[in-house]
Amino acid sequence: MKAGPVATAAAPPGSAPAPGQMEAGGADGIHIANFAFTPPALTVSPGQKVTWTNADSIPHTSTSADKRWNSGPLAPGASFSVTFDKPGTYVYGCSIHPFMQAKVIVGR
């Protein structure tokens, strides 16, 4: 049984779904632009993959507050995915710009 989120390798630019669109396999997207994560709160089901895509002109990260995952710097156009296997609320932000914060809510 898996516990908590599982990070996957960053996808090449242009390979992630458009912000808010579903991808085959049930993935959902978070858009990074204008120094913000959109949506600021995303609710998903256990086992669902979430992909962050940097649409800003500078690097950002997706870094969980509890250090469960860290994308490292995502260049403009790059993406990063995490699969959430365990219900809970996962707060995350950009380690480069600490004022950028959001959360993923994994339902039961």
PDB file of N, CA and C in Angstrom:
ATOM      1  N   MET A   1       0.844  -1.188   0.000  1.00  0.00           N
ATOM      2  CA  MET A   1       0.000   0.000   0.000  1.00  0.00           C
ATOM      3  C   MET A   1       0.881   1.240   0.000  1.00  0.00           C
ATOM      4  N   LYS A   2       0.615   2.146  -0.901  1.00  0.00           N
ATOM      5  CA  LYS A   2       1.400   3.368  -0.996  1.00  0.00           C
ATOM      6  C   LYS A   2       0.931   4.370   0.040  1.00  0.00           C
ATOM      7  N   ALA A   3       1.854   5.187   0.513  1.00  0.00           N
ATOM      8  CA  ALA A   3       1.509   6.215   1.493  1.00  0.00           C
ATOM      9  C   ALA A   3       1.903   7.575   0.972  1.00  0.00           C
ATOM     10  N   GLY A   4       0.952   8.494   0.927  1.00  0.00           N
ATOM     11  CA  GLY A   4       1.248   9.868   0.551  1.00  0.00           C
ATOM     12  C   GLY A   4       1.486  10.039  -0.929  1.00  0.00           C
ATOM     13  N   PRO A   5       1.920  11.237  -1.314  1.00  0.00           N
ATOM     14  CA  PRO A   5       2.126  11.544  -2.725  1.00  0.00           C
ATOM     15  C   PRO A   5       3.402  10.913  -3.261  1.00  0.00           C
ATOM     16  N   VAL A   6       3.390  10.621  -4.548  1.00  0.00           N
ATOM     17  CA  VAL A   6       4.546  10.058  -5.224  1.00  0.00           C
ATOM     18  C   VAL A   6       4.904  10.976  -6.385  1.00  0.00           C
ATOM     19  N   ALA A   7       6.097  11.550  -6.363  1.00  0.00           N
ATOM     20  CA  ALA A   7       6.524  12.467  -7.419  1.00  0.00           C
ATOM     21  C   ALA A   7       7.018  11.687  -8.622  1.00  0.00           C
ATOM     22  N   THR A   8       6.794  12.237  -9.803  1.00  0.00           N
ATOM     23  CA  THR A   8       7.306  11.643 -11.027  1.00  0.00           C
ATOM     24  C   THR A   8       8.214  12.649 -11.718  1.00  0.00           C
ATOM     25  N   ALA A   9       8.991  12.178 -12.651  1.00  0.00           N
ATOM     26  CA  ALA A   9       9.940  13.044 -13.351  1.00  0.00           C
ATOM     27  C   ALA A   9       9.213  14.150 -14.105  1.00  0.00           C
ATOM     28  N   ALA A  10       9.879  15.256 -14.249  1.00  0.00           N
ATOM     29  CA  ALA A  10       9.311  16.383 -14.990  1.00  0.00           C
ATOM     30  C   ALA A  10       9.155  16.003 -16.451  1.00  0.00           C
ATOM     31  N   ALA A  11       8.031  16.419 -17.026  1.00  0.00           N
ATOM     32  CA  ALA A  11       7.766  16.152 -18.441  1.00  0.00           C
ATOM     33  C   ALA A  11       8.408  17.242 -19.277  1.00  0.00           C
ATOM     34  N   PRO A  12       8.702  16.946 -20.517  1.00  0.00           N
ATOM     35  CA  PRO A  12       9.264  17.985 -21.372  1.00  0.00           C
ATOM     36  C   PRO A  12       8.251  19.090 -21.646  1.00  0.00           C
ATOM     37  N   PRO A  13       8.705  20.303 -21.906  1.00  0.00           N
ATOM     38  CA  PRO A  13       7.782  21.400 -22.177  1.00  0.00           C
ATOM     39  C   PRO A  13       6.794  21.037 -23.278  1.00  0.00           C
ATOM     40  N   GLY A  14       5.535  21.457 -23.061  1.00  0.00           N
ATOM     41  CA  GLY A  14       4.499  21.231 -24.049  1.00  0.00           C
ATOM     42  C   GLY A  14       3.811  19.889 -23.946  1.00  0.00           C
ATOM     43  N   SER A  15       4.224  19.011 -22.997  1.00  0.00           N
ATOM     44  CA  SER A  15       3.626  17.690 -22.914  1.00  0.00           C
ATOM     45  C   SER A  15       2.537  17.598 -21.860  1.00  0.00           C
ATOM     46  N   ALA A  16       2.342  18.617 -21.065  1.00  0.00           N
ATOM     47  CA  ALA A  16       1.337  18.600 -20.010  1.00  0.00           C
ATOM     48  C   ALA A  16      -0.005  19.091 -20.546  1.00  0.00           C
ATOM     49  N   PRO A  17      -1.108  18.719 -19.862  1.00  0.00           N
ATOM     50  CA  PRO A  17      -2.408  19.189 -20.302  1.00  0.00           C
ATOM     51  C   PRO A  17      -2.554  20.682 -20.055  1.00  0.00           C
ATOM     52  N   ALA A  18      -3.473  21.298 -20.748  1.00  0.00           N
ATOM     53  CA  ALA A  18      -3.765  22.715 -20.505  1.00  0.00           C
ATOM     54  C   ALA A  18      -4.283  22.864 -19.090  1.00  0.00           C
ATOM     55  N   PRO A  19      -4.082  24.021 -18.443  1.00  0.00           N
ATOM     56  CA  PRO A  19      -4.519  24.217 -17.068  1.00  0.00           C
ATOM     57  C   PRO A  19      -5.994  23.877 -16.890  1.00  0.00           C
ATOM     58  N   GLY A  20      -6.267  23.043 -15.858  1.00  0.00           N
ATOM     59  CA  GLY A  20      -7.634  22.695 -15.525  1.00  0.00           C
ATOM     60  C   GLY A  20      -8.232  21.604 -16.394  1.00  0.00           C
ATOM     61  N   GLN A  21      -7.523  21.147 -17.430  1.00  0.00           N
ATOM     62  CA  GLN A  21      -8.048  20.093 -18.289  1.00  0.00           C
ATOM     63  C   GLN A  21      -7.666  18.741 -17.731  1.00  0.00           C
ATOM     64  N   MET A  22      -8.530  17.777 -17.959  1.00  0.00           N
ATOM     65  CA  MET A  22      -8.234  16.405 -17.563  1.00  0.00           C
ATOM     66  C   MET A  22      -7.370  15.773 -18.649  1.00  0.00           C
ATOM     67  N   GLU A  23      -6.468  14.918 -18.230  1.00  0.00           N
ATOM     68  CA  GLU A  23      -5.581  14.211 -19.137  1.00  0.00           C
ATOM     69  C   GLU A  23      -5.992  12.746 -19.081  1.00  0.00           C
ATOM     70  N   ALA A  24      -5.749  11.979 -20.115  1.00  0.00           N
ATOM     71  CA  ALA A  24      -6.050  10.550 -20.093  1.00  0.00           C
ATOM     72  C   ALA A  24      -5.412   9.931 -18.862  1.00  0.00           C
ATOM     73  N   GLY A  25      -6.147   9.118 -18.154  1.00  0.00           N
ATOM     74  CA  GLY A  25      -5.624   8.515 -16.942  1.00  0.00           C
ATOM     75  C   GLY A  25      -6.025   9.296 -15.699  1.00  0.00           C
ATOM     76  N   GLY A  26      -6.791  10.364 -15.824  1.00  0.00           N
ATOM     77  CA  GLY A  26      -7.335  11.060 -14.667  1.00  0.00           C
ATOM     78  C   GLY A  26      -6.424  12.106 -14.060  1.00  0.00           C
ATOM     79  N   ALA A  27      -5.467  12.635 -14.795  1.00  0.00           N
ATOM     80  CA  ALA A  27      -4.592  13.658 -14.226  1.00  0.00           C
ATOM     81  C   ALA A  27      -5.266  15.026 -14.305  1.00  0.00           C
ATOM     82  N   ASP A  28      -4.930  15.886 -13.392  1.00  0.00           N
ATOM     83  CA  ASP A  28      -5.476  17.236 -13.370  1.00  0.00           C
ATOM     84  C   ASP A  28      -4.314  18.218 -13.351  1.00  0.00           C
ATOM     85  N   GLY A  29      -4.544  19.419 -13.819  1.00  0.00           N
ATOM     86  CA  GLY A  29      -3.455  20.363 -13.958  1.00  0.00           C
ATOM     87  C   GLY A  29      -3.549  21.588 -13.079  1.00  0.00           C
ATOM     88  N   ILE A  30      -2.380  22.095 -12.689  1.00  0.00           N
ATOM     89  CA  ILE A  30      -2.244  23.355 -11.965  1.00  0.00           C
ATOM     90  C   ILE A  30      -1.343  24.241 -12.811  1.00  0.00           C
ATOM     91  N   HIS A  31      -1.796  25.432 -13.053  1.00  0.00           N
ATOM     92  CA  HIS A  31      -1.140  26.418 -13.906  1.00  0.00           C
ATOM     93  C   HIS A  31      -0.334  27.362 -13.006  1.00  0.00           C
ATOM     94  N   ILE A  32       0.924  27.604 -13.327  1.00  0.00           N
ATOM     95  CA  ILE A  32       1.746  28.557 -12.586  1.00  0.00           C
ATOM     96  C   ILE A  32       1.960  29.762 -13.497  1.00  0.00           C
ATOM     97  N   ALA A  33       1.408  30.915 -13.108  1.00  0.00           N
ATOM     98  CA  ALA A  33       1.549  32.139 -13.905  1.00  0.00           C
ATOM     99  C   ALA A  33       1.326  33.350 -13.029  1.00  0.00           C
ATOM    100  N   ASN A  34       1.991  34.429 -13.376  1.00  0.00           N
ATOM    101  CA  ASN A  34       1.847  35.687 -12.626  1.00  0.00           C
ATOM    102  C   ASN A  34       2.075  35.491 -11.133  1.00  0.00           C
ATOM    103  N   PHE A  35       3.077  34.673 -10.792  1.00  0.00           N
ATOM    104  CA  PHE A  35       3.454  34.415  -9.400  1.00  0.00           C
ATOM    105  C   PHE A  35       2.288  33.849  -8.592  1.00  0.00           C
ATOM    106  N   ALA A  36       1.502  32.939  -9.199  1.00  0.00           N
ATOM    107  CA  ALA A  36       0.378  32.302  -8.506  1.00  0.00           C
ATOM    108  C   ALA A  36       0.132  30.905  -9.061  1.00  0.00           C
ATOM    109  N   PHE A  37      -0.432  30.039  -8.211  1.00  0.00           N
ATOM    110  CA  PHE A  37      -0.872  28.706  -8.612  1.00  0.00           C
ATOM    111  C   PHE A  37      -2.371  28.780  -8.876  1.00  0.00           C
ATOM    112  N   THR A  38      -2.821  28.274 -10.033  1.00  0.00           N
ATOM    113  CA  THR A  38      -4.239  28.282 -10.364  1.00  0.00           C
ATOM    114  C   THR A  38      -4.665  26.874 -10.740  1.00  0.00           C
ATOM    115  N   PRO A  39      -5.648  26.322 -10.025  1.00  0.00           N
ATOM    116  CA  PRO A  39      -6.406  26.945  -8.945  1.00  0.00           C
ATOM    117  C   PRO A  39      -5.597  26.934  -7.646  1.00  0.00           C
ATOM    118  N   PRO A  40      -5.957  27.817  -6.708  1.00  0.00           N
ATOM    119  CA  PRO A  40      -5.242  27.864  -5.432  1.00  0.00           C
ATOM    120  C   PRO A  40      -5.562  26.676  -4.526  1.00  0.00           C
ATOM    121  N   ALA A  41      -6.683  26.002  -4.777  1.00  0.00           N
ATOM    122  CA  ALA A  41      -7.043  24.781  -4.055  1.00  0.00           C
ATOM    123  C   ALA A  41      -7.641  23.824  -5.080  1.00  0.00           C
ATOM    124  N   LEU A  42      -7.063  22.637  -5.188  1.00  0.00           N
ATOM    125  CA  LEU A  42      -7.524  21.636  -6.139  1.00  0.00           C
ATOM    126  C   LEU A  42      -7.919  20.387  -5.376  1.00  0.00           C
ATOM    127  N   THR A  43      -9.127  19.874  -5.632  1.00  0.00           N
ATOM    128  CA  THR A  43      -9.592  18.648  -4.992  1.00  0.00           C
ATOM    129  C   THR A  43      -9.514  17.504  -5.993  1.00  0.00           C
ATOM    130  N   VAL A  44      -8.878  16.412  -5.567  1.00  0.00           N
ATOM    131  CA  VAL A  44      -8.711  15.238  -6.415  1.00  0.00           C
ATOM    132  C   VAL A  44      -9.089  13.983  -5.631  1.00  0.00           C
ATOM    133  N   SER A  45      -9.170  12.865  -6.327  1.00  0.00           N
ATOM    134  CA  SER A  45      -9.446  11.566  -5.711  1.00  0.00           C
ATOM    135  C   SER A  45      -8.136  10.846  -5.427  1.00  0.00           C
ATOM    136  N   PRO A  46      -8.133   9.922  -4.448  1.00  0.00           N
ATOM    137  CA  PRO A  46      -6.919   9.131  -4.211  1.00  0.00           C
ATOM    138  C   PRO A  46      -6.494   8.408  -5.490  1.00  0.00           C
ATOM    139  N   GLY A  47      -5.193   8.384  -5.735  1.00  0.00           N
ATOM    140  CA  GLY A  47      -4.650   7.753  -6.912  1.00  0.00           C
ATOM    141  C   GLY A  47      -4.553   8.667  -8.119  1.00  0.00           C
ATOM    142  N   GLN A  48      -4.998   9.894  -7.964  1.00  0.00           N
ATOM    143  CA  GLN A  48      -4.997  10.843  -9.087  1.00  0.00           C
ATOM    144  C   GLN A  48      -3.653  11.548  -9.195  1.00  0.00           C
ATOM    145  N   LYS A  49      -3.228  11.774 -10.450  1.00  0.00           N
ATOM    146  CA  LYS A  49      -1.980  12.488 -10.717  1.00  0.00           C
ATOM    147  C   LYS A  49      -2.298  13.951 -10.970  1.00  0.00           C
ATOM    148  N   VAL A  50      -1.501  14.834 -10.352  1.00  0.00           N
ATOM    149  CA  VAL A  50      -1.631  16.278 -10.547  1.00  0.00           C
ATOM    150  C   VAL A  50      -0.356  16.761 -11.223  1.00  0.00           C
ATOM    151  N   THR A  51      -0.516  17.574 -12.276  1.00  0.00           N
ATOM    152  CA  THR A  51       0.628  18.099 -13.014  1.00  0.00           C
ATOM    153  C   THR A  51       0.667  19.618 -12.899  1.00  0.00           C
ATOM    154  N   TRP A  52       1.798  20.139 -12.450  1.00  0.00           N
ATOM    155  CA  TRP A  52       2.042  21.581 -12.407  1.00  0.00           C
ATOM    156  C   TRP A  52       2.758  21.952 -13.696  1.00  0.00           C
ATOM    157  N   THR A  53       2.312  23.024 -14.367  1.00  0.00           N
ATOM    158  CA  THR A  53       2.972  23.514 -15.569  1.00  0.00           C
ATOM    159  C   THR A  53       3.319  24.983 -15.378  1.00  0.00           C
ATOM    160  N   ASN A  54       4.594  25.308 -15.572  1.00  0.00           N
ATOM    161  CA  ASN A  54       5.044  26.683 -15.391  1.00  0.00           C
ATOM    162  C   ASN A  54       4.788  27.478 -16.673  1.00  0.00           C
ATOM    163  N   ALA A  55       3.803  28.367 -16.619  1.00  0.00           N
ATOM    164  CA  ALA A  55       3.478  29.237 -17.756  1.00  0.00           C
ATOM    165  C   ALA A  55       4.000  30.649 -17.525  1.00  0.00           C
ATOM    166  N   ASP A  56       4.827  30.817 -16.493  1.00  0.00           N
ATOM    167  CA  ASP A  56       5.406  32.125 -16.201  1.00  0.00           C
ATOM    168  C   ASP A  56       6.704  32.294 -16.989  1.00  0.00           C
ATOM    169  N   SER A  57       7.262  33.484 -16.946  1.00  0.00           N
ATOM    170  CA  SER A  57       8.487  33.757 -17.707  1.00  0.00           C
ATOM    171  C   SER A  57       9.761  33.503 -16.903  1.00  0.00           C
ATOM    172  N   ILE A  58       9.607  33.060 -15.647  1.00  0.00           N
ATOM    173  CA  ILE A  58      10.758  32.757 -14.792  1.00  0.00           C
ATOM    174  C   ILE A  58      10.525  31.416 -14.094  1.00  0.00           C
ATOM    175  N   PRO A  59      11.588  30.797 -13.541  1.00  0.00           N
ATOM    176  CA  PRO A  59      11.421  29.512 -12.851  1.00  0.00           C
ATOM    177  C   PRO A  59      10.610  29.623 -11.563  1.00  0.00           C
ATOM    178  N   HIS A  60       9.903  28.550 -11.250  1.00  0.00           N
ATOM    179  CA  HIS A  60       9.171  28.378  -9.990  1.00  0.00           C
ATOM    180  C   HIS A  60       9.345  26.924  -9.570  1.00  0.00           C
ATOM    181  N   THR A  61       8.931  26.595  -8.342  1.00  0.00           N
ATOM    182  CA  THR A  61       8.937  25.211  -7.883  1.00  0.00           C
ATOM    183  C   THR A  61       7.546  24.833  -7.385  1.00  0.00           C
ATOM    184  N   SER A  62       7.337  23.541  -7.243  1.00  0.00           N
ATOM    185  CA  SER A  62       6.203  22.995  -6.500  1.00  0.00           C
ATOM    186  C   SER A  62       6.846  22.212  -5.372  1.00  0.00           C
ATOM    187  N   THR A  63       6.764  22.746  -4.160  1.00  0.00           N
ATOM    188  CA  THR A  63       7.434  22.164  -3.006  1.00  0.00           C
ATOM    189  C   THR A  63       6.446  22.023  -1.866  1.00  0.00           C
ATOM    190  N   SER A  64       6.223  20.797  -1.407  1.00  0.00           N
ATOM    191  CA  SER A  64       5.252  20.589  -0.324  1.00  0.00           C
ATOM    192  C   SER A  64       5.782  21.157   0.988  1.00  0.00           C
ATOM    193  N   ALA A  65       4.862  21.659   1.786  1.00  0.00           N
ATOM    194  CA  ALA A  65       5.235  22.251   3.077  1.00  0.00           C
ATOM    195  C   ALA A  65       5.886  21.221   3.992  1.00  0.00           C
ATOM    196  N   ASP A  66       5.493  19.934   3.853  1.00  0.00           N
ATOM    197  CA  ASP A  66       6.059  18.882   4.699  1.00  0.00           C
ATOM    198  C   ASP A  66       7.232  18.161   4.037  1.00  0.00           C
ATOM    199  N   LYS A  67       7.726  18.715   2.921  1.00  0.00           N
ATOM    200  CA  LYS A  67       8.900  18.202   2.193  1.00  0.00           C
ATOM    201  C   LYS A  67       8.671  16.819   1.580  1.00  0.00           C
ATOM    202  N   ARG A  68       7.412  16.434   1.310  1.00  0.00           N
ATOM    203  CA  ARG A  68       7.129  15.146   0.658  1.00  0.00           C
ATOM    204  C   ARG A  68       7.551  15.171  -0.809  1.00  0.00           C
ATOM    205  N   TRP A  69       7.515  16.345  -1.445  1.00  0.00           N
ATOM    206  CA  TRP A  69       7.980  16.465  -2.825  1.00  0.00           C
ATOM    207  C   TRP A  69       8.576  17.840  -3.050  1.00  0.00           C
ATOM    208  N   ASN A  70       9.459  17.904  -4.042  1.00  0.00           N
ATOM    209  CA  ASN A  70      10.075  19.160  -4.461  1.00  0.00           C
ATOM    210  C   ASN A  70      10.440  19.014  -5.926  1.00  0.00           C
ATOM    211  N   SER A  71       9.810  19.809  -6.762  1.00  0.00           N
ATOM    212  CA  SER A  71      10.062  19.727  -8.204  1.00  0.00           C
ATOM    213  C   SER A  71      11.446  20.219  -8.588  1.00  0.00           C
ATOM    214  N   GLY A  72      12.061  21.027  -7.727  1.00  0.00           N
ATOM    215  CA  GLY A  72      13.247  21.748  -8.147  1.00  0.00           C
ATOM    216  C   GLY A  72      12.783  22.860  -9.076  1.00  0.00           C
ATOM    217  N   PRO A  73      13.671  23.726  -9.524  1.00  0.00           N
ATOM    218  CA  PRO A  73      13.251  24.828 -10.398  1.00  0.00           C
ATOM    219  C   PRO A  73      12.652  24.317 -11.711  1.00  0.00           C
ATOM    220  N   LEU A  74      11.444  24.775 -12.007  1.00  0.00           N
ATOM    221  CA  LEU A  74      10.771  24.454 -13.266  1.00  0.00           C
ATOM    222  C   LEU A  74      10.949  25.632 -14.211  1.00  0.00           C
ATOM    223  N   ALA A  75      11.661  25.428 -15.277  1.00  0.00           N
ATOM    224  CA  ALA A  75      11.854  26.486 -16.274  1.00  0.00           C
ATOM    225  C   ALA A  75      10.513  26.806 -16.931  1.00  0.00           C
ATOM    226  N   PRO A  76      10.393  27.977 -17.535  1.00  0.00           N
ATOM    227  CA  PRO A  76       9.167  28.297 -18.266  1.00  0.00           C
ATOM    228  C   PRO A  76       8.830  27.185 -19.266  1.00  0.00           C
ATOM    229  N   GLY A  77       7.579  26.719 -19.222  1.00  0.00           N
ATOM    230  CA  GLY A  77       7.120  25.656 -20.106  1.00  0.00           C
ATOM    231  C   GLY A  77       7.292  24.254 -19.560  1.00  0.00           C
ATOM    232  N   ALA A  78       8.066  24.084 -18.485  1.00  0.00           N
ATOM    233  CA  ALA A  78       8.305  22.761 -17.909  1.00  0.00           C
ATOM    234  C   ALA A  78       7.147  22.349 -17.017  1.00  0.00           C
ATOM    235  N   SER A  79       7.055  21.048 -16.757  1.00  0.00           N
ATOM    236  CA  SER A  79       6.008  20.544 -15.886  1.00  0.00           C
ATOM    237  C   SER A  79       6.559  19.501 -14.929  1.00  0.00           C
ATOM    238  N   PHE A  80       5.764  19.181 -13.905  1.00  0.00           N
ATOM    239  CA  PHE A  80       6.145  18.260 -12.837  1.00  0.00           C
ATOM    240  C   PHE A  80       4.864  17.619 -12.333  1.00  0.00           C
ATOM    241  N   SER A  81       4.898  16.324 -12.039  1.00  0.00           N
ATOM    242  CA  SER A  81       3.690  15.620 -11.600  1.00  0.00           C
ATOM    243  C   SER A  81       3.896  14.894 -10.281  1.00  0.00           C
ATOM    244  N   VAL A  82       2.808  14.793  -9.511  1.00  0.00           N
ATOM    245  CA  VAL A  82       2.773  14.030  -8.271  1.00  0.00           C
ATOM    246  C   VAL A  82       1.472  13.236  -8.278  1.00  0.00           C
ATOM    247  N   THR A  83       1.545  11.951  -7.893  1.00  0.00           N
ATOM    248  CA  THR A  83       0.358  11.128  -7.734  1.00  0.00           C
ATOM    249  C   THR A  83       0.026  11.088  -6.246  1.00  0.00           C
ATOM    250  N   PHE A  84      -1.214  11.427  -5.915  1.00  0.00           N
ATOM    251  CA  PHE A  84      -1.665  11.491  -4.528  1.00  0.00           C
ATOM    252  C   PHE A  84      -2.451  10.232  -4.196  1.00  0.00           C
ATOM    253  N   ASP A  85      -1.871   9.352  -3.375  1.00  0.00           N
ATOM    254  CA  ASP A  85      -2.489   8.081  -3.044  1.00  0.00           C
ATOM    255  C   ASP A  85      -3.248   8.089  -1.721  1.00  0.00           C
ATOM    256  N   LYS A  86      -2.966   9.033  -0.858  1.00  0.00           N
ATOM    257  CA  LYS A  86      -3.529   9.033   0.490  1.00  0.00           C
ATOM    258  C   LYS A  86      -4.383  10.279   0.706  1.00  0.00           C
ATOM    259  N   PRO A  87      -5.621  10.122   1.229  1.00  0.00           N
ATOM    260  CA  PRO A  87      -6.470  11.290   1.507  1.00  0.00           C
ATOM    261  C   PRO A  87      -5.788  12.262   2.474  1.00  0.00           C
ATOM    262  N   GLY A  88      -6.071  13.532   2.301  1.00  0.00           N
ATOM    263  CA  GLY A  88      -5.520  14.571   3.168  1.00  0.00           C
ATOM    264  C   GLY A  88      -5.427  15.889   2.432  1.00  0.00           C
ATOM    265  N   THR A  89      -4.936  16.901   3.132  1.00  0.00           N
ATOM    266  CA  THR A  89      -4.720  18.220   2.545  1.00  0.00           C
ATOM    267  C   THR A  89      -3.224  18.445   2.484  1.00  0.00           C
ATOM    268  N   TYR A  90      -2.723  18.723   1.296  1.00  0.00           N
ATOM    269  CA  TYR A  90      -1.299  18.895   1.054  1.00  0.00           C
ATOM    270  C   TYR A  90      -1.032  20.347   0.666  1.00  0.00           C
ATOM    271  N   VAL A  91      -0.416  21.087   1.571  1.00  0.00           N
ATOM    272  CA  VAL A  91      -0.077  22.487   1.327  1.00  0.00           C
ATOM    273  C   VAL A  91       1.274  22.521   0.626  1.00  0.00           C
ATOM    274  N   TYR A  92       1.383  23.384  -0.378  1.00  0.00           N
ATOM    275  CA  TYR A  92       2.636  23.493  -1.114  1.00  0.00           C
ATOM    276  C   TYR A  92       2.858  24.945  -1.516  1.00  0.00           C
ATOM    277  N   GLY A  93       4.052  25.221  -2.001  1.00  0.00           N
ATOM    278  CA  GLY A  93       4.374  26.566  -2.455  1.00  0.00           C
ATOM    279  C   GLY A  93       5.576  26.541  -3.372  1.00  0.00           C
ATOM    280  N   CYS A  94       6.049  27.716  -3.680  1.00  0.00           N
ATOM    281  CA  CYS A  94       7.251  27.885  -4.491  1.00  0.00           C
ATOM    282  C   CYS A  94       8.399  28.215  -3.533  1.00  0.00           C
ATOM    283  N   SER A  95       9.445  27.385  -3.541  1.00  0.00           N
ATOM    284  CA  SER A  95      10.558  27.640  -2.617  1.00  0.00           C
ATOM    285  C   SER A  95      11.370  28.864  -3.035  1.00  0.00           C
ATOM    286  N   ILE A  96      11.249  29.288  -4.286  1.00  0.00           N
ATOM    287  CA  ILE A  96      11.956  30.482  -4.757  1.00  0.00           C
ATOM    288  C   ILE A  96      11.193  31.740  -4.346  1.00  0.00           C
ATOM    289  N   HIS A  97       9.856  31.649  -4.349  1.00  0.00           N
ATOM    290  CA  HIS A  97       8.963  32.774  -4.022  1.00  0.00           C
ATOM    291  C   HIS A  97       8.010  32.312  -2.923  1.00  0.00           C
ATOM    292  N   PRO A  98       8.418  32.357  -1.644  1.00  0.00           N
ATOM    293  CA  PRO A  98       7.643  31.780  -0.546  1.00  0.00           C
ATOM    294  C   PRO A  98       6.227  32.333  -0.374  1.00  0.00           C
ATOM    295  N   PHE A  99       5.931  33.500  -0.933  1.00  0.00           N
ATOM    296  CA  PHE A  99       4.575  34.052  -0.812  1.00  0.00           C
ATOM    297  C   PHE A  99       3.591  33.290  -1.702  1.00  0.00           C
ATOM    298  N   MET A 100       4.088  32.495  -2.643  1.00  0.00           N
ATOM    299  CA  MET A 100       3.226  31.682  -3.508  1.00  0.00           C
ATOM    300  C   MET A 100       2.854  30.409  -2.781  1.00  0.00           C
ATOM    301  N   GLN A 101       1.566  30.240  -2.410  1.00  0.00           N
ATOM    302  CA  GLN A 101       1.120  29.068  -1.675  1.00  0.00           C
ATOM    303  C   GLN A 101      -0.224  28.595  -2.207  1.00  0.00           C
ATOM    304  N   ALA A 102      -0.474  27.293  -2.111  1.00  0.00           N
ATOM    305  CA  ALA A 102      -1.729  26.703  -2.532  1.00  0.00           C
ATOM    306  C   ALA A 102      -1.851  25.344  -1.858  1.00  0.00           C
ATOM    307  N   LYS A 103      -2.898  24.563  -2.239  1.00  0.00           N
ATOM    308  CA  LYS A 103      -3.058  23.244  -1.633  1.00  0.00           C
ATOM    309  C   LYS A 103      -3.775  22.292  -2.570  1.00  0.00           C
ATOM    310  N   VAL A 104      -3.490  20.999  -2.362  1.00  0.00           N
ATOM    311  CA  VAL A 104      -4.201  19.927  -3.033  1.00  0.00           C
ATOM    312  C   VAL A 104      -4.938  19.168  -1.945  1.00  0.00           C
ATOM    313  N   ILE A 105      -6.238  18.970  -2.149  1.00  0.00           N
ATOM    314  CA  ILE A 105      -7.087  18.253  -1.196  1.00  0.00           C
ATOM    315  C   ILE A 105      -7.419  16.904  -1.824  1.00  0.00           C
ATOM    316  N   VAL A 106      -7.035  15.839  -1.152  1.00  0.00           N
ATOM    317  CA  VAL A 106      -7.295  14.497  -1.653  1.00  0.00           C
ATOM    318  C   VAL A 106      -8.457  13.938  -0.843  1.00  0.00           C
ATOM    319  N   GLY A 107      -9.579  13.709  -1.532  1.00  0.00           N
ATOM    320  CA  GLY A 107     -10.782  13.203  -0.864  1.00  0.00           C
ATOM    321  C   GLY A 107     -10.693  11.718  -0.574  1.00  0.00           C
ATOM    322  N   ARG A 108     -11.714  11.212   0.051  1.00  0.00           N
ATOM    323  CA  ARG A 108     -11.768   9.776   0.406  1.00  0.00           C
ATOM    324  C   ARG A 108     -12.444   8.975  -0.662  1.00  0.00           C
TER     325      ARG A 108
END
